[in-house]
Amino acid sequence: MSTIVPGIQAEQDAVWWQGSLFRIKGRGMKTAGAIGLVEANYYAGFSPPLHVHHREDEAWYILEGELRCRRGDEEFTARVGDFVFCPREIPHSFKALDGGARALLLAIPAGLEEMFLEGGVPVRDPAQPPPKEFDIERVRALARKYGFDVIGPPLV
């Protein structure tokens, strides 16, 4: 039995999420709900607010650049080749450092990738991003539906 999942249409599954380019690589509907996988291209300075997930664990594998991370009371810098795991119920955030960063974002189980699709702006031209700003109120509006709480500001 093959474990290869047929490809997805980039124009259908790529969104600008808060000004960063997110390409959805694996959705729960294709993984029996097991994982969601996103290739995230974060602009320099991108930082989600401090938040805590109640449904899923979240992890990143850093492909390019650096992320300054906060996980619980711990702060550290993740670099190319690093794997960062944030278990559910542990507050976390990060900030993309100079030059931005590219990472694979995993949500276990799947579901969080659907929030990016619902709340993101469809990509028409990857070379033409929308304004690079984070709309915390938009994220708060989606948080309840997707099982997490915004509990603090982005990293500065």
Foldseek 3Di string as FASTA:
>chain_A
DDPDFDFDDQLLQWFQALQKIKGWTDACVRVVQFKTKIWIWFAAFDKAFWKFFDPWKKKKAWQAAKKFKDWANDTDIDHHGDMDIHGGPITMMIGGHPPTTIIMMMIGRGDVSVVCSVLGHRDPDPVDTDDNGGDNVSVQVCCVVRGMHRDGGTDD
